[in-house]
């Protein structure tokens, strides 16, 4: 869910906004003079966005999911049997 707050309210209620973002993963759009200026998000959401933006990583994750579905997997013991 996304909430919108003017910069003046954000200054006043910043600790409360931080607690809410941590508890709910809500996004806060902070406005300045009625226009969006910044967005406050939880660190986990930033991590997710960074993963989604990494095309190489996303292709690798999709391939891995396909491998699991098709049974193309090996146990830990199989992989490290000769190690």
PDB file of N, CA and C in Angstrom:
ATOM      1  N   UNK A   1       0.841  -1.177   0.000  1.00  0.00           N
ATOM      2  CA  UNK A   1       0.000   0.000   0.000  1.00  0.00           C
ATOM      3  C   UNK A   1       0.886   1.241   0.000  1.00  0.00           C
ATOM      4  N   UNK A   2       0.387   2.261  -0.623  1.00  0.00           N
ATOM      5  CA  UNK A   2       1.154   3.487  -0.744  1.00  0.00           C
ATOM      6  C   UNK A   2       0.430   4.606  -0.008  1.00  0.00           C
ATOM      7  N   UNK A   3       1.171   5.361   0.765  1.00  0.00           N
ATOM      8  CA  UNK A   3       0.613   6.523   1.446  1.00  0.00           C
ATOM      9  C   UNK A   3       1.319   7.771   0.948  1.00  0.00           C
ATOM     10  N   UNK A   4       0.604   8.863   0.976  1.00  0.00           N
ATOM     11  CA  UNK A   4       1.165  10.131   0.524  1.00  0.00           C
ATOM     12  C   UNK A   4       1.182  11.094   1.710  1.00  0.00           C
ATOM     13  N   UNK A   5       2.315  11.747   1.888  1.00  0.00           N
ATOM     14  CA  UNK A   5       2.450  12.689   3.001  1.00  0.00           C
ATOM     15  C   UNK A   5       3.283  13.886   2.550  1.00  0.00           C
ATOM     16  N   UNK A   6       2.853  15.084   2.903  1.00  0.00           N
ATOM     17  CA  UNK A   6       3.673  16.252   2.587  1.00  0.00           C
ATOM     18  C   UNK A   6       4.948  16.258   3.424  1.00  0.00           C
ATOM     19  N   UNK A   7       5.951  16.910   2.926  1.00  0.00           N
ATOM     20  CA  UNK A   7       7.246  16.930   3.607  1.00  0.00           C
ATOM     21  C   UNK A   7       7.112  17.485   5.026  1.00  0.00           C
ATOM     22  N   UNK A   8       6.226  18.428   5.240  1.00  0.00           N
ATOM     23  CA  UNK A   8       6.052  18.990   6.595  1.00  0.00           C
ATOM     24  C   UNK A   8       5.562  17.921   7.571  1.00  0.00           C
ATOM     25  N   UNK A   9       4.597  17.087   7.157  1.00  0.00           N
ATOM     26  CA  UNK A   9       4.130  16.000   8.018  1.00  0.00           C
ATOM     27  C   UNK A   9       5.217  14.952   8.210  1.00  0.00           C
ATOM     28  N   UNK A  10       5.969  14.711   7.155  1.00  0.00           N
ATOM     29  CA  UNK A  10       7.039  13.717   7.241  1.00  0.00           C
ATOM     30  C   UNK A  10       8.067  14.136   8.289  1.00  0.00           C
ATOM     31  N   UNK A  11       8.416  15.404   8.307  1.00  0.00           N
ATOM     32  CA  UNK A  11       9.358  15.901   9.319  1.00  0.00           C
ATOM     33  C   UNK A  11       8.803  15.691  10.723  1.00  0.00           C
ATOM     34  N   UNK A  12       7.539  16.038  10.894  1.00  0.00           N
ATOM     35  CA  UNK A  12       6.909  15.969  12.208  1.00  0.00           C
ATOM     36  C   UNK A  12       6.773  14.533  12.704  1.00  0.00           C
ATOM     37  N   UNK A  13       6.371  13.639  11.818  1.00  0.00           N
ATOM     38  CA  UNK A  13       6.036  12.261  12.216  1.00  0.00           C
ATOM     39  C   UNK A  13       7.047  11.222  11.738  1.00  0.00           C
ATOM     40  N   UNK A  14       8.265  11.634  11.433  1.00  0.00           N
ATOM     41  CA  UNK A  14       9.248  10.721  10.848  1.00  0.00           C
ATOM     42  C   UNK A  14       9.455   9.432  11.646  1.00  0.00           C
ATOM     43  N   UNK A  15       9.655   9.492  12.962  1.00  0.00           N
ATOM     44  CA  UNK A  15       9.825   8.230  13.703  1.00  0.00           C
ATOM     45  C   UNK A  15       8.614   7.300  13.568  1.00  0.00           C
ATOM     46  N   UNK A  16       7.427   7.866  13.588  1.00  0.00           N
ATOM     47  CA  UNK A  16       6.207   7.065  13.447  1.00  0.00           C
ATOM     48  C   UNK A  16       6.119   6.460  12.038  1.00  0.00           C
ATOM     49  N   UNK A  17       6.498   7.233  11.028  1.00  0.00           N
ATOM     50  CA  UNK A  17       6.479   6.746   9.651  1.00  0.00           C
ATOM     51  C   UNK A  17       7.464   5.593   9.478  1.00  0.00           C
ATOM     52  N   UNK A  18       8.642   5.737  10.068  1.00  0.00           N
ATOM     53  CA  UNK A  18       9.633   4.656  10.003  1.00  0.00           C
ATOM     54  C   UNK A  18       9.069   3.386  10.626  1.00  0.00           C
ATOM     55  N   UNK A  19       8.472   3.500  11.792  1.00  0.00           N
ATOM     56  CA  UNK A  19       7.890   2.329  12.454  1.00  0.00           C
ATOM     57  C   UNK A  19       6.806   1.691  11.596  1.00  0.00           C
ATOM     58  N   UNK A  20       5.980   2.508  10.957  1.00  0.00           N
ATOM     59  CA  UNK A  20       4.914   1.965  10.117  1.00  0.00           C
ATOM     60  C   UNK A  20       5.473   1.255   8.884  1.00  0.00           C
ATOM     61  N   UNK A  21       6.479   1.845   8.272  1.00  0.00           N
ATOM     62  CA  UNK A  21       7.091   1.215   7.103  1.00  0.00           C
ATOM     63  C   UNK A  21       7.698  -0.128   7.495  1.00  0.00           C
ATOM     64  N   UNK A  22       8.385  -0.174   8.618  1.00  0.00           N
ATOM     65  CA  UNK A  22       8.983  -1.428   9.090  1.00  0.00           C
ATOM     66  C   UNK A  22       7.925  -2.482   9.378  1.00  0.00           C
ATOM     67  N   UNK A  23       6.801  -2.078   9.950  1.00  0.00           N
ATOM     68  CA  UNK A  23       5.759  -3.024  10.361  1.00  0.00           C
ATOM     69  C   UNK A  23       4.888  -3.488   9.200  1.00  0.00           C
ATOM     70  N   UNK A  24       4.676  -2.636   8.209  1.00  0.00           N
ATOM     71  CA  UNK A  24       3.687  -2.940   7.166  1.00  0.00           C
ATOM     72  C   UNK A  24       4.253  -3.027   5.754  1.00  0.00           C
ATOM     73  N   UNK A  25       5.487  -2.593   5.564  1.00  0.00           N
ATOM     74  CA  UNK A  25       6.092  -2.489   4.226  1.00  0.00           C
ATOM     75  C   UNK A  25       5.341  -1.528   3.317  1.00  0.00           C
ATOM     76  N   UNK A  26       4.570  -0.606   3.910  1.00  0.00           N
ATOM     77  CA  UNK A  26       3.927   0.443   3.120  1.00  0.00           C
ATOM     78  C   UNK A  26       4.984   1.342   2.520  1.00  0.00           C
ATOM     79  N   UNK A  27       4.660   1.925   1.401  1.00  0.00           N
ATOM     80  CA  UNK A  27       5.519   2.950   0.804  1.00  0.00           C
ATOM     81  C   UNK A  27       4.958   4.309   1.190  1.00  0.00           C
ATOM     82  N   UNK A  28       5.842   5.255   1.381  1.00  0.00           N
ATOM     83  CA  UNK A  28       5.419   6.630   1.625  1.00  0.00           C
ATOM     84  C   UNK A  28       5.945   7.499   0.495  1.00  0.00           C
ATOM     85  N   UNK A  29       5.051   8.159  -0.190  1.00  0.00           N
ATOM     86  CA  UNK A  29       5.428   9.147  -1.194  1.00  0.00           C
ATOM     87  C   UNK A  29       5.425  10.488  -0.471  1.00  0.00           C
ATOM     88  N   UNK A  30       6.575  11.096  -0.415  1.00  0.00           N
ATOM     89  CA  UNK A  30       6.703  12.392   0.256  1.00  0.00           C
ATOM     90  C   UNK A  30       6.606  13.473  -0.816  1.00  0.00           C
ATOM     91  N   UNK A  31       5.680  14.379  -0.596  1.00  0.00           N
ATOM     92  CA  UNK A  31       5.463  15.435  -1.582  1.00  0.00           C
ATOM     93  C   UNK A  31       6.065  16.754  -1.110  1.00  0.00           C
ATOM     94  N   UNK A  32       6.462  17.544  -2.073  1.00  0.00           N
ATOM     95  CA  UNK A  32       6.974  18.890  -1.810  1.00  0.00           C
ATOM     96  C   UNK A  32       6.242  19.820  -2.776  1.00  0.00           C
ATOM     97  N   UNK A  33       5.540  20.764  -2.204  1.00  0.00           N
ATOM     98  CA  UNK A  33       4.700  21.677  -3.000  1.00  0.00           C
ATOM     99  C   UNK A  33       3.691  20.901  -3.841  1.00  0.00           C
ATOM    100  N   UNK A  34       3.171  19.818  -3.261  1.00  0.00           N
ATOM    101  CA  UNK A  34       2.113  19.050  -3.907  1.00  0.00           C
ATOM    102  C   UNK A  34       2.561  18.044  -4.945  1.00  0.00           C
ATOM    103  N   UNK A  35       3.861  17.954  -5.188  1.00  0.00           N
ATOM    104  CA  UNK A  35       4.380  17.020  -6.198  1.00  0.00           C
ATOM    105  C   UNK A  35       5.267  15.980  -5.525  1.00  0.00           C
ATOM    106  N   UNK A  36       5.245  14.722  -6.002  1.00  0.00           N
ATOM    107  CA  UNK A  36       6.109  13.687  -5.422  1.00  0.00           C
ATOM    108  C   UNK A  36       7.577  14.103  -5.468  1.00  0.00           C
ATOM    109  N   UNK A  37       8.255  13.968  -4.333  1.00  0.00           N
ATOM    110  CA  UNK A  37       9.670  14.334  -4.254  1.00  0.00           C
ATOM    111  C   UNK A  37      10.546  13.105  -4.019  1.00  0.00           C
ATOM    112  N   UNK A  38      10.135  12.247  -3.068  1.00  0.00           N
ATOM    113  CA  UNK A  38      10.874  11.023  -2.773  1.00  0.00           C
ATOM    114  C   UNK A  38       9.884   9.945  -2.352  1.00  0.00           C
ATOM    115  N   UNK A  39      10.368   8.711  -2.329  1.00  0.00           N
ATOM    116  CA  UNK A  39       9.574   7.599  -1.826  1.00  0.00           C
ATOM    117  C   UNK A  39      10.382   6.900  -0.742  1.00  0.00           C
ATOM    118  N   UNK A  40       9.750   6.664   0.395  1.00  0.00           N
ATOM    119  CA  UNK A  40      10.380   5.938   1.502  1.00  0.00           C
ATOM    120  C   UNK A  40       9.880   4.501   1.452  1.00  0.00           C
ATOM    121  N   UNK A  41      10.822   3.545   1.456  1.00  0.00           N
ATOM    122  CA  UNK A  41      10.459   2.131   1.416  1.00  0.00           C
ATOM    123  C   UNK A  41      11.307   1.352   2.413  1.00  0.00           C
ATOM    124  N   UNK A  42      10.846   0.141   2.736  1.00  0.00           N
ATOM    125  CA  UNK A  42      11.591  -0.737   3.641  1.00  0.00           C
ATOM    126  C   UNK A  42      12.818  -1.291   2.915  1.00  0.00           C
ATOM    127  N   UNK A  43      13.885  -1.598   3.647  1.00  0.00           N
ATOM    128  CA  UNK A  43      15.091  -2.149   3.023  1.00  0.00           C
ATOM    129  C   UNK A  43      14.822  -3.434   2.243  1.00  0.00           C
ATOM    130  N   UNK A  44      13.899  -4.263   2.735  1.00  0.00           N
ATOM    131  CA  UNK A  44      13.588  -5.513   2.035  1.00  0.00           C
ATOM    132  C   UNK A  44      12.964  -5.241   0.665  1.00  0.00           C
ATOM    133  N   UNK A  45      12.155  -4.203   0.595  1.00  0.00           N
ATOM    134  CA  UNK A  45      11.553  -3.857  -0.692  1.00  0.00           C
ATOM    135  C   UNK A  45      12.611  -3.348  -1.665  1.00  0.00           C
ATOM    136  N   UNK A  46      13.565  -2.590  -1.160  1.00  0.00           N
ATOM    137  CA  UNK A  46      14.661  -2.126  -2.011  1.00  0.00           C
ATOM    138  C   UNK A  46      15.443  -3.313  -2.544  1.00  0.00           C
ATOM    139  N   UNK A  47      15.718  -4.293  -1.684  1.00  0.00           N
ATOM    140  CA  UNK A  47      16.435  -5.493  -2.112  1.00  0.00           C
ATOM    141  C   UNK A  47      15.667  -6.220  -3.209  1.00  0.00           C
ATOM    142  N   UNK A  48      14.359  -6.340  -3.036  1.00  0.00           N
ATOM    143  CA  UNK A  48      13.531  -6.998  -4.044  1.00  0.00           C
ATOM    144  C   UNK A  48      13.592  -6.244  -5.367  1.00  0.00           C
ATOM    145  N   UNK A  49      13.495  -4.936  -5.318  1.00  0.00           N
ATOM    146  CA  UNK A  49      13.565  -4.132  -6.537  1.00  0.00           C
ATOM    147  C   UNK A  49      14.911  -4.278  -7.233  1.00  0.00           C
ATOM    148  N   UNK A  50      15.987  -4.346  -6.447  1.00  0.00           N
ATOM    149  CA  UNK A  50      17.316  -4.524  -7.032  1.00  0.00           C
ATOM    150  C   UNK A  50      17.443  -5.885  -7.713  1.00  0.00           C
ATOM    151  N   UNK A  51      16.878  -6.920  -7.104  1.00  0.00           N
ATOM    152  CA  UNK A  51      16.910  -8.262  -7.708  1.00  0.00           C
ATOM    153  C   UNK A  51      16.115  -8.259  -9.005  1.00  0.00           C
ATOM    154  N   UNK A  52      14.917  -7.689  -8.974  1.00  0.00           N
ATOM    155  CA  UNK A  52      14.072  -7.654 -10.173  1.00  0.00           C
ATOM    156  C   UNK A  52      14.718  -6.858 -11.306  1.00  0.00           C
ATOM    157  N   UNK A  53      15.520  -5.870 -10.966  1.00  0.00           N
ATOM    158  CA  UNK A  53      16.178  -5.051 -11.982  1.00  0.00           C
ATOM    159  C   UNK A  53      17.399  -5.731 -12.586  1.00  0.00           C
ATOM    160  N   UNK A  54      17.896  -6.793 -11.942  1.00  0.00           N
ATOM    161  CA  UNK A  54      19.086  -7.490 -12.420  1.00  0.00           C
ATOM    162  C   UNK A  54      18.655  -8.601 -13.384  1.00  0.00           C
ATOM    163  N   UNK A  55      18.717  -8.317 -14.688  1.00  0.00           N
ATOM    164  CA  UNK A  55      18.229  -9.255 -15.700  1.00  0.00           C
ATOM    165  C   UNK A  55      18.972 -10.589 -15.663  1.00  0.00           C
ATOM    166  N   UNK A  56      20.272 -10.543 -15.479  1.00  0.00           N
ATOM    167  CA  UNK A  56      21.061 -11.772 -15.455  1.00  0.00           C
ATOM    168  C   UNK A  56      20.639 -12.658 -14.270  1.00  0.00           C
ATOM    169  N   UNK A  57      20.466 -12.054 -13.113  1.00  0.00           N
ATOM    170  CA  UNK A  57      20.044 -12.808 -11.935  1.00  0.00           C
ATOM    171  C   UNK A  57      18.645 -13.372 -12.121  1.00  0.00           C
ATOM    172  N   UNK A  58      17.724 -12.578 -12.680  1.00  0.00           N
ATOM    173  CA  UNK A  58      16.357 -13.047 -12.892  1.00  0.00           C
ATOM    174  C   UNK A  58      16.322 -14.234 -13.849  1.00  0.00           C
ATOM    175  N   UNK A  59      17.117 -14.188 -14.929  1.00  0.00           N
ATOM    176  CA  UNK A  59      17.174 -15.319 -15.861  1.00  0.00           C
ATOM    177  C   UNK A  59      17.696 -16.565 -15.150  1.00  0.00           C
ATOM    178  N   UNK A  60      18.694 -16.389 -14.305  1.00  0.00           N
ATOM    179  CA  UNK A  60      19.259 -17.505 -13.558  1.00  0.00           C
ATOM    180  C   UNK A  60      18.227 -18.103 -12.599  1.00  0.00           C
ATOM    181  N   UNK A  61      17.453 -17.267 -11.933  1.00  0.00           N
ATOM    182  CA  UNK A  61      16.426 -17.754 -11.016  1.00  0.00           C
ATOM    183  C   UNK A  61      15.319 -18.502 -11.767  1.00  0.00           C
ATOM    184  N   UNK A  62      14.936 -17.996 -12.919  1.00  0.00           N
ATOM    185  CA  UNK A  62      13.915 -18.670 -13.736  1.00  0.00           C
ATOM    186  C   UNK A  62      14.423 -20.027 -14.200  1.00  0.00           C
ATOM    187  N   UNK A  63      15.689 -20.076 -14.647  1.00  0.00           N
ATOM    188  CA  UNK A  63      16.292 -21.356 -15.058  1.00  0.00           C
ATOM    189  C   UNK A  63      16.328 -22.339 -13.894  1.00  0.00           C
ATOM    190  N   UNK A  64      16.671 -21.853 -12.716  1.00  0.00           N
ATOM    191  CA  UNK A  64      16.738 -22.720 -11.539  1.00  0.00           C
ATOM    192  C   UNK A  64      15.364 -23.277 -11.197  1.00  0.00           C
ATOM    193  N   UNK A  65      14.331 -22.451 -11.284  1.00  0.00           N
ATOM    194  CA  UNK A  65      12.973 -22.937 -11.023  1.00  0.00           C
ATOM    195  C   UNK A  65      12.573 -24.004 -12.038  1.00  0.00           C
ATOM    196  N   UNK A  66      12.936 -23.792 -13.299  1.00  0.00           N
ATOM    197  CA  UNK A  66      12.637 -24.782 -14.339  1.00  0.00           C
ATOM    198  C   UNK A  66      13.380 -26.085 -14.059  1.00  0.00           C
ATOM    199  N   UNK A  67      14.637 -25.992 -13.633  1.00  0.00           N
ATOM    200  CA  UNK A  67      15.420 -27.189 -13.307  1.00  0.00           C
ATOM    201  C   UNK A  67      14.762 -27.983 -12.185  1.00  0.00           C
ATOM    202  N   UNK A  68      14.282 -27.301 -11.172  1.00  0.00           N
ATOM    203  CA  UNK A  68      13.624 -27.985 -10.050  1.00  0.00           C
ATOM    204  C   UNK A  68      12.355 -28.677 -10.536  1.00  0.00           C
ATOM    205  N   UNK A  69      11.551 -27.976 -11.333  1.00  0.00           N
ATOM    206  CA  UNK A  69      10.305 -28.556 -11.858  1.00  0.00           C
ATOM    207  C   UNK A  69      10.573 -29.791 -12.711  1.00  0.00           C
ATOM    208  N   UNK A  70      11.647 -29.777 -13.471  1.00  0.00           N
ATOM    209  CA  UNK A  70      11.986 -30.887 -14.368  1.00  0.00           C
ATOM    210  C   UNK A  70      12.811 -31.974 -13.676  1.00  0.00           C
ATOM    211  N   UNK A  71      13.107 -31.777 -12.409  1.00  0.00           N
ATOM    212  CA  UNK A  71      13.855 -32.783 -11.667  1.00  0.00           C
ATOM    213  C   UNK A  71      15.345 -32.774 -11.939  1.00  0.00           C
ATOM    214  N   UNK A  72      15.837 -31.725 -12.529  1.00  0.00           N
ATOM    215  CA  UNK A  72      17.274 -31.614 -12.815  1.00  0.00           C
ATOM    216  C   UNK A  72      17.986 -31.012 -11.606  1.00  0.00           C
ATOM    217  N   UNK A  73      18.014 -31.787 -10.531  1.00  0.00           N
ATOM    218  CA  UNK A  73      18.637 -31.330  -9.292  1.00  0.00           C
ATOM    219  C   UNK A  73      19.529 -32.436  -8.741  1.00  0.00           C
ATOM    220  N   UNK A  74      20.446 -32.067  -7.878  1.00  0.00           N
ATOM    221  CA  UNK A  74      21.358 -33.010  -7.239  1.00  0.00           C
ATOM    222  C   UNK A  74      21.404 -32.701  -5.747  1.00  0.00           C
ATOM    223  N   UNK A  75      21.530 -33.729  -4.951  1.00  0.00           N
ATOM    224  CA  UNK A  75      21.616 -33.532  -3.503  1.00  0.00           C
ATOM    225  C   UNK A  75      22.991 -32.979  -3.136  1.00  0.00           C
ATOM    226  N   UNK A  76      23.080 -32.484  -1.946  1.00  0.00           N
ATOM    227  CA  UNK A  76      24.349 -31.969  -1.426  1.00  0.00           C
ATOM    228  C   UNK A  76      25.405 -33.078  -1.442  1.00  0.00           C
ATOM    229  N   UNK A  77      25.007 -34.285  -1.032  1.00  0.00           N
ATOM    230  CA  UNK A  77      25.930 -35.412  -1.014  1.00  0.00           C
ATOM    231  C   UNK A  77      26.443 -35.753  -2.412  1.00  0.00           C
ATOM    232  N   UNK A  78      25.540 -35.718  -3.403  1.00  0.00           N
ATOM    233  CA  UNK A  78      25.957 -36.021  -4.783  1.00  0.00           C
ATOM    234  C   UNK A  78      26.973 -34.989  -5.286  1.00  0.00           C
ATOM    235  N   UNK A  79      26.734 -33.766  -5.006  1.00  0.00           N
ATOM    236  CA  UNK A  79      27.607 -32.712  -5.503  1.00  0.00           C
ATOM    237  C   UNK A  79      28.989 -32.776  -4.880  1.00  0.00           C
ATOM    238  N   UNK A  80      29.036 -33.103  -3.579  1.00  0.00           N
ATOM    239  CA  UNK A  80      30.313 -33.069  -2.868  1.00  0.00           C
ATOM    240  C   UNK A  80      30.839 -34.474  -2.549  1.00  0.00           C
ATOM    241  N   UNK A  81      30.395 -35.484  -3.268  1.00  0.00           N
ATOM    242  CA  UNK A  81      30.808 -36.854  -3.005  1.00  0.00           C
ATOM    243  C   UNK A  81      32.297 -37.049  -3.207  1.00  0.00           C
ATOM    244  N   UNK A  82      32.877 -36.432  -4.214  1.00  0.00           N
ATOM    245  CA  UNK A  82      34.289 -36.621  -4.528  1.00  0.00           C
ATOM    246  C   UNK A  82      35.169 -35.525  -3.941  1.00  0.00           C
ATOM    247  N   UNK A  83      34.592 -34.624  -3.211  1.00  0.00           N
ATOM    248  CA  UNK A  83      35.352 -33.480  -2.693  1.00  0.00           C
ATOM    249  C   UNK A  83      36.257 -33.858  -1.551  1.00  0.00           C
TER     250      UNK A  83
END
